[in-house]
Amino acid sequence: GQTPDLYTFTLGSVTIGTSTPSTISSL
């Protein structure tokens, strides 16, 4: 029921853990 927080980012501008994915598949 909470209104979600939205984030928009481009490929290469996000790090997940210690990885910065370079393909959509790895993202």
mmCIF file of all heavy atoms, coordinates in Angstrom:
data_MODEL
# 
_entry.id   MODEL 
# 
loop_
_atom_site.group_PDB 
_atom_site.id 
_atom_site.type_symbol 
_atom_site.label_atom_id 
_atom_site.label_alt_id 
_atom_site.label_comp_id 
_atom_site.label_asym_id 
_atom_site.label_entity_id 
_atom_site.label_seq_id 
_atom_site.pdbx_PDB_ins_code 
_atom_site.Cartn_x 
_atom_site.Cartn_y 
_atom_site.Cartn_z 
_atom_site.occupancy 
_atom_site.B_iso_or_equiv 
_atom_site.pdbx_formal_charge 
_atom_site.auth_seq_id 
_atom_site.auth_comp_id 
_atom_site.auth_asym_id 
_atom_site.auth_atom_id 
_atom_site.pdbx_PDB_model_num 
ATOM 1   N N   . GLY A 1 1  ? 0.779  -1.219  0.000   1.00 0.00 ? 1  GLY A N   1 
ATOM 2   C CA  . GLY A 1 1  ? 0.000  0.000   0.000   1.00 0.00 ? 1  GLY A CA  1 
ATOM 3   C C   . GLY A 1 1  ? 0.815  1.276   0.000   1.00 0.00 ? 1  GLY A C   1 
ATOM 4   O O   . GLY A 1 1  ? 0.285  2.355   -0.217  1.00 0.00 ? 1  GLY A O   1 
ATOM 5   N N   . GLN A 1 2  ? 2.101  1.174   0.265   1.00 0.00 ? 2  GLN A N   1 
ATOM 6   C CA  . GLN A 1 2  ? 2.938  2.370   0.265   1.00 0.00 ? 2  GLN A CA  1 
ATOM 7   C C   . GLN A 1 2  ? 3.182  2.828   -1.159  1.00 0.00 ? 2  GLN A C   1 
ATOM 8   O O   . GLN A 1 2  ? 3.361  2.020   -2.060  1.00 0.00 ? 2  GLN A O   1 
ATOM 9   C CB  . GLN A 1 2  ? 4.275  2.080   0.935   1.00 0.00 ? 2  GLN A CB  1 
ATOM 10  C CG  . GLN A 1 2  ? 5.223  3.253   0.894   1.00 0.00 ? 2  GLN A CG  1 
ATOM 11  C CD  . GLN A 1 2  ? 6.655  2.875   1.231   1.00 0.00 ? 2  GLN A CD  1 
ATOM 12  O OE1 . GLN A 1 2  ? 6.999  1.712   1.201   1.00 0.00 ? 2  GLN A OE1 1 
ATOM 13  N NE2 . GLN A 1 2  ? 7.465  3.857   1.537   1.00 0.00 ? 2  GLN A NE2 1 
ATOM 14  N N   . THR A 1 3  ? 3.174  4.142   -1.362  1.00 0.00 ? 3  THR A N   1 
ATOM 15  C CA  . THR A 1 3  ? 3.547  4.677   -2.661  1.00 0.00 ? 3  THR A CA  1 
ATOM 16  C C   . THR A 1 3  ? 5.023  4.373   -2.870  1.00 0.00 ? 3  THR A C   1 
ATOM 17  O O   . THR A 1 3  ? 5.849  4.709   -2.028  1.00 0.00 ? 3  THR A O   1 
ATOM 18  C CB  . THR A 1 3  ? 3.312  6.197   -2.718  1.00 0.00 ? 3  THR A CB  1 
ATOM 19  O OG1 . THR A 1 3  ? 1.944  6.451   -2.460  1.00 0.00 ? 3  THR A OG1 1 
ATOM 20  C CG2 . THR A 1 3  ? 3.705  6.761   -4.066  1.00 0.00 ? 3  THR A CG2 1 
ATOM 21  N N   . PRO A 1 4  ? 5.369  3.703   -3.958  1.00 0.00 ? 4  PRO A N   1 
ATOM 22  C CA  . PRO A 1 4  ? 6.768  3.288   -4.143  1.00 0.00 ? 4  PRO A CA  1 
ATOM 23  C C   . PRO A 1 4  ? 7.698  4.465   -4.430  1.00 0.00 ? 4  PRO A C   1 
ATOM 24  O O   . PRO A 1 4  ? 7.283  5.487   -4.964  1.00 0.00 ? 4  PRO A O   1 
ATOM 25  C CB  . PRO A 1 4  ? 6.704  2.345   -5.340  1.00 0.00 ? 4  PRO A CB  1 
ATOM 26  C CG  . PRO A 1 4  ? 5.483  2.747   -6.082  1.00 0.00 ? 4  PRO A CG  1 
ATOM 27  C CD  . PRO A 1 4  ? 4.522  3.282   -5.066  1.00 0.00 ? 4  PRO A CD  1 
ATOM 28  N N   . ASP A 1 5  ? 8.955  4.285   -4.045  1.00 0.00 ? 5  ASP A N   1 
ATOM 29  C CA  . ASP A 1 5  ? 10.006 5.210   -4.447  1.00 0.00 ? 5  ASP A CA  1 
ATOM 30  C C   . ASP A 1 5  ? 10.477 4.769   -5.826  1.00 0.00 ? 5  ASP A C   1 
ATOM 31  O O   . ASP A 1 5  ? 10.654 3.570   -6.070  1.00 0.00 ? 5  ASP A O   1 
ATOM 32  C CB  . ASP A 1 5  ? 11.174 5.166   -3.466  1.00 0.00 ? 5  ASP A CB  1 
ATOM 33  C CG  . ASP A 1 5  ? 10.823 5.761   -2.113  1.00 0.00 ? 5  ASP A CG  1 
ATOM 34  O OD1 . ASP A 1 5  ? 9.898  6.605   -2.049  1.00 0.00 ? 5  ASP A OD1 1 
ATOM 35  O OD2 . ASP A 1 5  ? 11.485 5.397   -1.123  1.00 0.00 ? 5  ASP A OD2 1 
ATOM 36  N N   . LEU A 1 6  ? 10.671 5.727   -6.712  1.00 0.00 ? 6  LEU A N   1 
ATOM 37  C CA  . LEU A 1 6  ? 11.085 5.423   -8.079  1.00 0.00 ? 6  LEU A CA  1 
ATOM 38  C C   . LEU A 1 6  ? 12.500 5.942   -8.325  1.00 0.00 ? 6  LEU A C   1 
ATOM 39  O O   . LEU A 1 6  ? 12.831 7.057   -7.927  1.00 0.00 ? 6  LEU A O   1 
ATOM 40  C CB  . LEU A 1 6  ? 10.141 6.057   -9.092  1.00 0.00 ? 6  LEU A CB  1 
ATOM 41  C CG  . LEU A 1 6  ? 8.685  5.618   -9.008  1.00 0.00 ? 6  LEU A CG  1 
ATOM 42  C CD1 . LEU A 1 6  ? 7.840  6.423   -9.986  1.00 0.00 ? 6  LEU A CD1 1 
ATOM 43  C CD2 . LEU A 1 6  ? 8.563  4.131   -9.294  1.00 0.00 ? 6  LEU A CD2 1 
ATOM 44  N N   . TYR A 1 7  ? 13.293 5.113   -8.970  1.00 0.00 ? 7  TYR A N   1 
ATOM 45  C CA  . TYR A 1 7  ? 14.652 5.470   -9.356  1.00 0.00 ? 7  TYR A CA  1 
ATOM 46  C C   . TYR A 1 7  ? 14.805 5.164   -10.835 1.00 0.00 ? 7  TYR A C   1 
ATOM 47  O O   . TYR A 1 7  ? 14.383 4.104   -11.289 1.00 0.00 ? 7  TYR A O   1 
ATOM 48  C CB  . TYR A 1 7  ? 15.679 4.648   -8.578  1.00 0.00 ? 7  TYR A CB  1 
ATOM 49  C CG  . TYR A 1 7  ? 15.624 4.862   -7.082  1.00 0.00 ? 7  TYR A CG  1 
ATOM 50  C CD1 . TYR A 1 7  ? 14.816 4.075   -6.282  1.00 0.00 ? 7  TYR A CD1 1 
ATOM 51  C CD2 . TYR A 1 7  ? 16.380 5.856   -6.480  1.00 0.00 ? 7  TYR A CD2 1 
ATOM 52  C CE1 . TYR A 1 7  ? 14.751 4.271   -4.909  1.00 0.00 ? 7  TYR A CE1 1 
ATOM 53  C CE2 . TYR A 1 7  ? 16.332 6.056   -5.113  1.00 0.00 ? 7  TYR A CE2 1 
ATOM 54  C CZ  . TYR A 1 7  ? 15.517 5.261   -4.343  1.00 0.00 ? 7  TYR A CZ  1 
ATOM 55  O OH  . TYR A 1 7  ? 15.467 5.465   -2.985  1.00 0.00 ? 7  TYR A OH  1 
ATOM 56  N N   . THR A 1 8  ? 15.397 6.067   -11.579 1.00 0.00 ? 8  THR A N   1 
ATOM 57  C CA  . THR A 1 8  ? 15.670 5.847   -12.988 1.00 0.00 ? 8  THR A CA  1 
ATOM 58  C C   . THR A 1 8  ? 17.164 6.021   -13.206 1.00 0.00 ? 8  THR A C   1 
ATOM 59  O O   . THR A 1 8  ? 17.744 7.005   -12.747 1.00 0.00 ? 8  THR A O   1 
ATOM 60  C CB  . THR A 1 8  ? 14.883 6.834   -13.868 1.00 0.00 ? 8  THR A CB  1 
ATOM 61  O OG1 . THR A 1 8  ? 13.495 6.681   -13.586 1.00 0.00 ? 8  THR A OG1 1 
ATOM 62  C CG2 . THR A 1 8  ? 15.129 6.560   -15.340 1.00 0.00 ? 8  THR A CG2 1 
ATOM 63  N N   . PHE A 1 9  ? 17.761 5.052   -13.873 1.00 0.00 ? 9  PHE A N   1 
ATOM 64  C CA  . PHE A 1 9  ? 19.196 5.138   -14.133 1.00 0.00 ? 9  PHE A CA  1 
ATOM 65  C C   . PHE A 1 9  ? 19.520 4.490   -15.463 1.00 0.00 ? 9  PHE A C   1 
ATOM 66  O O   . PHE A 1 9  ? 18.751 3.698   -15.989 1.00 0.00 ? 9  PHE A O   1 
ATOM 67  C CB  . PHE A 1 9  ? 20.017 4.503   -13.010 1.00 0.00 ? 9  PHE A CB  1 
ATOM 68  C CG  . PHE A 1 9  ? 19.561 3.137   -12.589 1.00 0.00 ? 9  PHE A CG  1 
ATOM 69  C CD1 . PHE A 1 9  ? 20.002 2.009   -13.245 1.00 0.00 ? 9  PHE A CD1 1 
ATOM 70  C CD2 . PHE A 1 9  ? 18.687 2.990   -11.529 1.00 0.00 ? 9  PHE A CD2 1 
ATOM 71  C CE1 . PHE A 1 9  ? 19.575 0.750   -12.861 1.00 0.00 ? 9  PHE A CE1 1 
ATOM 72  C CE2 . PHE A 1 9  ? 18.258 1.732   -11.131 1.00 0.00 ? 9  PHE A CE2 1 
ATOM 73  C CZ  . PHE A 1 9  ? 18.707 0.609   -11.793 1.00 0.00 ? 9  PHE A CZ  1 
ATOM 74  N N   . THR A 1 10 ? 20.660 4.876   -15.997 1.00 0.00 ? 10 THR A N   1 
ATOM 75  C CA  . THR A 1 10 ? 21.111 4.313   -17.262 1.00 0.00 ? 10 THR A CA  1 
ATOM 76  C C   . THR A 1 10 ? 22.106 3.188   -16.989 1.00 0.00 ? 10 THR A C   1 
ATOM 77  O O   . THR A 1 10 ? 22.712 3.124   -15.919 1.00 0.00 ? 10 THR A O   1 
ATOM 78  C CB  . THR A 1 10 ? 21.793 5.382   -18.136 1.00 0.00 ? 10 THR A CB  1 
ATOM 79  O OG1 . THR A 1 10 ? 22.887 5.930   -17.411 1.00 0.00 ? 10 THR A OG1 1 
ATOM 80  C CG2 . THR A 1 10 ? 20.823 6.468   -18.524 1.00 0.00 ? 10 THR A CG2 1 
ATOM 81  N N   . LEU A 1 11 ? 22.254 2.347   -17.947 1.00 0.00 ? 11 LEU A N   1 
ATOM 82  C CA  . LEU A 1 11 ? 23.220 1.260   -17.854 1.00 0.00 ? 11 LEU A CA  1 
ATOM 83  C C   . LEU A 1 11 ? 24.604 1.861   -17.638 1.00 0.00 ? 11 LEU A C   1 
ATOM 84  O O   . LEU A 1 11 ? 24.994 2.801   -18.306 1.00 0.00 ? 11 LEU A O   1 
ATOM 85  C CB  . LEU A 1 11 ? 23.197 0.430   -19.137 1.00 0.00 ? 11 LEU A CB  1 
ATOM 86  C CG  . LEU A 1 11 ? 24.111 -0.778  -19.174 1.00 0.00 ? 11 LEU A CG  1 
ATOM 87  C CD1 . LEU A 1 11 ? 23.715 -1.778  -18.090 1.00 0.00 ? 11 LEU A CD1 1 
ATOM 88  C CD2 . LEU A 1 11 ? 24.052 -1.438  -20.536 1.00 0.00 ? 11 LEU A CD2 1 
ATOM 89  N N   . GLY A 1 12 ? 25.321 1.364   -16.675 1.00 0.00 ? 12 GLY A N   1 
ATOM 90  C CA  . GLY A 1 12 ? 26.648 1.874   -16.367 1.00 0.00 ? 12 GLY A CA  1 
ATOM 91  C C   . GLY A 1 12 ? 26.653 2.927   -15.272 1.00 0.00 ? 12 GLY A C   1 
ATOM 92  O O   . GLY A 1 12 ? 27.717 3.305   -14.787 1.00 0.00 ? 12 GLY A O   1 
ATOM 93  N N   . SER A 1 13 ? 25.472 3.410   -14.877 1.00 0.00 ? 13 SER A N   1 
ATOM 94  C CA  . SER A 1 13 ? 25.437 4.426   -13.818 1.00 0.00 ? 13 SER A CA  1 
ATOM 95  C C   . SER A 1 13 ? 24.924 3.852   -12.502 1.00 0.00 ? 13 SER A C   1 
ATOM 96  O O   . SER A 1 13 ? 24.523 4.588   -11.618 1.00 0.00 ? 13 SER A O   1 
ATOM 97  C CB  . SER A 1 13 ? 24.568 5.613   -14.240 1.00 0.00 ? 13 SER A CB  1 
ATOM 98  O OG  . SER A 1 13 ? 23.212 5.236   -14.296 1.00 0.00 ? 13 SER A OG  1 
ATOM 99  N N   . VAL A 1 14 ? 24.950 2.529   -12.391 1.00 0.00 ? 14 VAL A N   1 
ATOM 100 C CA  . VAL A 1 14 ? 24.506 1.884   -11.160 1.00 0.00 ? 14 VAL A CA  1 
ATOM 101 C C   . VAL A 1 14 ? 25.535 0.832   -10.753 1.00 0.00 ? 14 VAL A C   1 
ATOM 102 O O   . VAL A 1 14 ? 26.102 0.143   -11.604 1.00 0.00 ? 14 VAL A O   1 
ATOM 103 C CB  . VAL A 1 14 ? 23.102 1.253   -11.321 1.00 0.00 ? 14 VAL A CB  1 
ATOM 104 C CG1 . VAL A 1 14 ? 23.095 0.139   -12.344 1.00 0.00 ? 14 VAL A CG1 1 
ATOM 105 C CG2 . VAL A 1 14 ? 22.561 0.756   -9.993  1.00 0.00 ? 14 VAL A CG2 1 
ATOM 106 N N   . THR A 1 15 ? 25.796 0.775   -9.467  1.00 0.00 ? 15 THR A N   1 
ATOM 107 C CA  . THR A 1 15 ? 26.652 -0.264  -8.902  1.00 0.00 ? 15 THR A CA  1 
ATOM 108 C C   . THR A 1 15 ? 25.795 -1.079  -7.951  1.00 0.00 ? 15 THR A C   1 
ATOM 109 O O   . THR A 1 15 ? 25.073 -0.515  -7.120  1.00 0.00 ? 15 THR A O   1 
ATOM 110 C CB  . THR A 1 15 ? 27.845 0.355   -8.143  1.00 0.00 ? 15 THR A CB  1 
ATOM 111 O OG1 . THR A 1 15 ? 28.605 1.141   -9.058  1.00 0.00 ? 15 THR A OG1 1 
ATOM 112 C CG2 . THR A 1 15 ? 28.732 -0.722  -7.532  1.00 0.00 ? 15 THR A CG2 1 
ATOM 113 N N   . ILE A 1 16 ? 25.856 -2.387  -8.099  1.00 0.00 ? 16 ILE A N   1 
ATOM 114 C CA  . ILE A 1 16 ? 25.097 -3.281  -7.230  1.00 0.00 ? 16 ILE A CA  1 
ATOM 115 C C   . ILE A 1 16 ? 26.110 -4.114  -6.474  1.00 0.00 ? 16 ILE A C   1 
ATOM 116 O O   . ILE A 1 16 ? 26.847 -4.894  -7.077  1.00 0.00 ? 16 ILE A O   1 
ATOM 117 C CB  . ILE A 1 16 ? 24.110 -4.139  -8.035  1.00 0.00 ? 16 ILE A CB  1 
ATOM 118 C CG1 . ILE A 1 16 ? 23.145 -3.226  -8.786  1.00 0.00 ? 16 ILE A CG1 1 
ATOM 119 C CG2 . ILE A 1 16 ? 23.358 -5.094  -7.112  1.00 0.00 ? 16 ILE A CG2 1 
ATOM 120 C CD1 . ILE A 1 16 ? 22.200 -3.911  -9.716  1.00 0.00 ? 16 ILE A CD1 1 
ATOM 121 N N   . GLY A 1 17 ? 26.144 -3.911  -5.152  1.00 0.00 ? 17 GLY A N   1 
ATOM 122 C CA  . GLY A 1 17 ? 27.213 -4.509  -4.362  1.00 0.00 ? 17 GLY A CA  1 
ATOM 123 C C   . GLY A 1 17 ? 28.518 -3.851  -4.781  1.00 0.00 ? 17 GLY A C   1 
ATOM 124 O O   . GLY A 1 17 ? 28.691 -2.655  -4.627  1.00 0.00 ? 17 GLY A O   1 
ATOM 125 N N   . THR A 1 18 ? 29.403 -4.635  -5.350  1.00 0.00 ? 18 THR A N   1 
ATOM 126 C CA  . THR A 1 18 ? 30.671 -4.080  -5.849  1.00 0.00 ? 18 THR A CA  1 
ATOM 127 C C   . THR A 1 18 ? 30.773 -4.180  -7.370  1.00 0.00 ? 18 THR A C   1 
ATOM 128 O O   . THR A 1 18 ? 31.828 -3.913  -7.933  1.00 0.00 ? 18 THR A O   1 
ATOM 129 C CB  . THR A 1 18 ? 31.867 -4.814  -5.210  1.00 0.00 ? 18 THR A CB  1 
ATOM 130 O OG1 . THR A 1 18 ? 31.762 -6.212  -5.510  1.00 0.00 ? 18 THR A OG1 1 
ATOM 131 C CG2 . THR A 1 18 ? 31.892 -4.609  -3.705  1.00 0.00 ? 18 THR A CG2 1 
ATOM 132 N N   . SER A 1 19 ? 29.672 -4.554  -8.025  1.00 0.00 ? 19 SER A N   1 
ATOM 133 C CA  . SER A 1 19 ? 29.689 -4.757  -9.479  1.00 0.00 ? 19 SER A CA  1 
ATOM 134 C C   . SER A 1 19 ? 28.962 -3.639  -10.210 1.00 0.00 ? 19 SER A C   1 
ATOM 135 O O   . SER A 1 19 ? 27.873 -3.228  -9.804  1.00 0.00 ? 19 SER A O   1 
ATOM 136 C CB  . SER A 1 19 ? 29.005 -6.086  -9.837  1.00 0.00 ? 19 SER A CB  1 
ATOM 137 O OG  . SER A 1 19 ? 29.670 -7.152  -9.232  1.00 0.00 ? 19 SER A OG  1 
ATOM 138 N N   . THR A 1 20 ? 29.570 -3.167  -11.285 1.00 0.00 ? 20 THR A N   1 
ATOM 139 C CA  . THR A 1 20 ? 28.920 -2.221  -12.183 1.00 0.00 ? 20 THR A CA  1 
ATOM 140 C C   . THR A 1 20 ? 28.664 -2.950  -13.498 1.00 0.00 ? 20 THR A C   1 
ATOM 141 O O   . THR A 1 20 ? 29.597 -3.184  -14.266 1.00 0.00 ? 20 THR A O   1 
ATOM 142 C CB  . THR A 1 20 ? 29.806 -0.979  -12.419 1.00 0.00 ? 20 THR A CB  1 
ATOM 143 O OG1 . THR A 1 20 ? 30.087 -0.369  -11.167 1.00 0.00 ? 20 THR A OG1 1 
ATOM 144 C CG2 . THR A 1 20 ? 29.110 0.021   -13.326 1.00 0.00 ? 20 THR A CG2 1 
ATOM 145 N N   . PRO A 1 21 ? 27.420 -3.351  -13.725 1.00 0.00 ? 21 PRO A N   1 
ATOM 146 C CA  . PRO A 1 21 ? 27.126 -4.142  -14.920 1.00 0.00 ? 21 PRO A CA  1 
ATOM 147 C C   . PRO A 1 21 ? 27.332 -3.335  -16.198 1.00 0.00 ? 21 PRO A C   1 
ATOM 148 O O   . PRO A 1 21 ? 27.057 -2.135  -16.235 1.00 0.00 ? 21 PRO A O   1 
ATOM 149 C CB  . PRO A 1 21 ? 25.656 -4.522  -14.739 1.00 0.00 ? 21 PRO A CB  1 
ATOM 150 C CG  . PRO A 1 21 ? 25.108 -3.519  -13.794 1.00 0.00 ? 21 PRO A CG  1 
ATOM 151 C CD  . PRO A 1 21 ? 26.231 -3.070  -12.929 1.00 0.00 ? 21 PRO A CD  1 
ATOM 152 N N   . SER A 1 22 ? 27.800 -4.017  -17.227 1.00 0.00 ? 22 SER A N   1 
ATOM 153 C CA  . SER A 1 22 ? 28.039 -3.349  -18.507 1.00 0.00 ? 22 SER A CA  1 
ATOM 154 C C   . SER A 1 22 ? 27.047 -3.789  -19.578 1.00 0.00 ? 22 SER A C   1 
ATOM 155 O O   . SER A 1 22 ? 27.055 -3.249  -20.675 1.00 0.00 ? 22 SER A O   1 
ATOM 156 C CB  . SER A 1 22 ? 29.466 -3.609  -18.985 1.00 0.00 ? 22 SER A CB  1 
ATOM 157 O OG  . SER A 1 22 ? 29.684 -4.997  -19.123 1.00 0.00 ? 22 SER A OG  1 
ATOM 158 N N   . THR A 1 23 ? 26.200 -4.764  -19.252 1.00 0.00 ? 23 THR A N   1 
ATOM 159 C CA  . THR A 1 23 ? 25.161 -5.202  -20.183 1.00 0.00 ? 23 THR A CA  1 
ATOM 160 C C   . THR A 1 23 ? 23.835 -5.276  -19.429 1.00 0.00 ? 23 THR A C   1 
ATOM 161 O O   . THR A 1 23 ? 23.805 -5.440  -18.204 1.00 0.00 ? 23 THR A O   1 
ATOM 162 C CB  . THR A 1 23 ? 25.459 -6.593  -20.774 1.00 0.00 ? 23 THR A CB  1 
ATOM 163 O OG1 . THR A 1 23 ? 25.415 -7.559  -19.718 1.00 0.00 ? 23 THR A OG1 1 
ATOM 164 C CG2 . THR A 1 23 ? 26.812 -6.631  -21.469 1.00 0.00 ? 23 THR A CG2 1 
ATOM 165 N N   . ILE A 1 24 ? 22.755 -5.157  -20.167 1.00 0.00 ? 24 ILE A N   1 
ATOM 166 C CA  . ILE A 1 24 ? 21.426 -5.272  -19.547 1.00 0.00 ? 24 ILE A CA  1 
ATOM 167 C C   . ILE A 1 24 ? 21.255 -6.646  -18.930 1.00 0.00 ? 24 ILE A C   1 
ATOM 168 O O   . ILE A 1 24 ? 20.683 -6.803  -17.855 1.00 0.00 ? 24 ILE A O   1 
ATOM 169 C CB  . ILE A 1 24 ? 20.316 -4.979  -20.585 1.00 0.00 ? 24 ILE A CB  1 
ATOM 170 C CG1 . ILE A 1 24 ? 20.254 -3.484  -20.863 1.00 0.00 ? 24 ILE A CG1 1 
ATOM 171 C CG2 . ILE A 1 24 ? 18.972 -5.488  -20.122 1.00 0.00 ? 24 ILE A CG2 1 
ATOM 172 C CD1 . ILE A 1 24 ? 19.792 -2.619  -19.694 1.00 0.00 ? 24 ILE A CD1 1 
ATOM 173 N N   . SER A 1 25 ? 21.780 -7.649  -19.587 1.00 0.00 ? 25 SER A N   1 
ATOM 174 C CA  . SER A 1 25 ? 21.684 -9.016  -19.079 1.00 0.00 ? 25 SER A CA  1 
ATOM 175 C C   . SER A 1 25 ? 22.331 -9.141  -17.696 1.00 0.00 ? 25 SER A C   1 
ATOM 176 O O   . SER A 1 25 ? 21.738 -9.708  -16.768 1.00 0.00 ? 25 SER A O   1 
ATOM 177 C CB  . SER A 1 25 ? 22.347 -9.950  -20.086 1.00 0.00 ? 25 SER A CB  1 
ATOM 178 O OG  . SER A 1 25 ? 22.153 -11.263 -19.754 1.00 0.00 ? 25 SER A OG  1 
ATOM 179 N N   . SER A 1 26 ? 23.534 -8.600  -17.534 1.00 0.00 ? 26 SER A N   1 
ATOM 180 C CA  . SER A 1 26 ? 24.200 -8.686  -16.229 1.00 0.00 ? 26 SER A CA  1 
ATOM 181 C C   . SER A 1 26 ? 23.496 -7.806  -15.199 1.00 0.00 ? 26 SER A C   1 
ATOM 182 O O   . SER A 1 26 ? 23.434 -8.149  -14.017 1.00 0.00 ? 26 SER A O   1 
ATOM 183 C CB  . SER A 1 26 ? 25.683 -8.328  -16.341 1.00 0.00 ? 26 SER A CB  1 
ATOM 184 O OG  . SER A 1 26 ? 25.869 -7.025  -16.810 1.00 0.00 ? 26 SER A OG  1 
ATOM 185 N N   . LEU A 1 27 ? 22.927 -6.687  -15.631 1.00 0.00 ? 27 LEU A N   1 
ATOM 186 C CA  . LEU A 1 27 ? 22.160 -5.838  -14.727 1.00 0.00 ? 27 LEU A CA  1 
ATOM 187 C C   . LEU A 1 27 ? 20.942 -6.585  -14.188 1.00 0.00 ? 27 LEU A C   1 
ATOM 188 O O   . LEU A 1 27 ? 20.657 -6.541  -12.990 1.00 0.00 ? 27 LEU A O   1 
ATOM 189 C CB  . LEU A 1 27 ? 21.728 -4.557  -15.431 1.00 0.00 ? 27 LEU A CB  1 
ATOM 190 C CG  . LEU A 1 27 ? 20.823 -3.620  -14.647 1.00 0.00 ? 27 LEU A CG  1 
ATOM 191 C CD1 . LEU A 1 27 ? 21.508 -3.133  -13.382 1.00 0.00 ? 27 LEU A CD1 1 
ATOM 192 C CD2 . LEU A 1 27 ? 20.382 -2.453  -15.502 1.00 0.00 ? 27 LEU A CD2 1 
# 
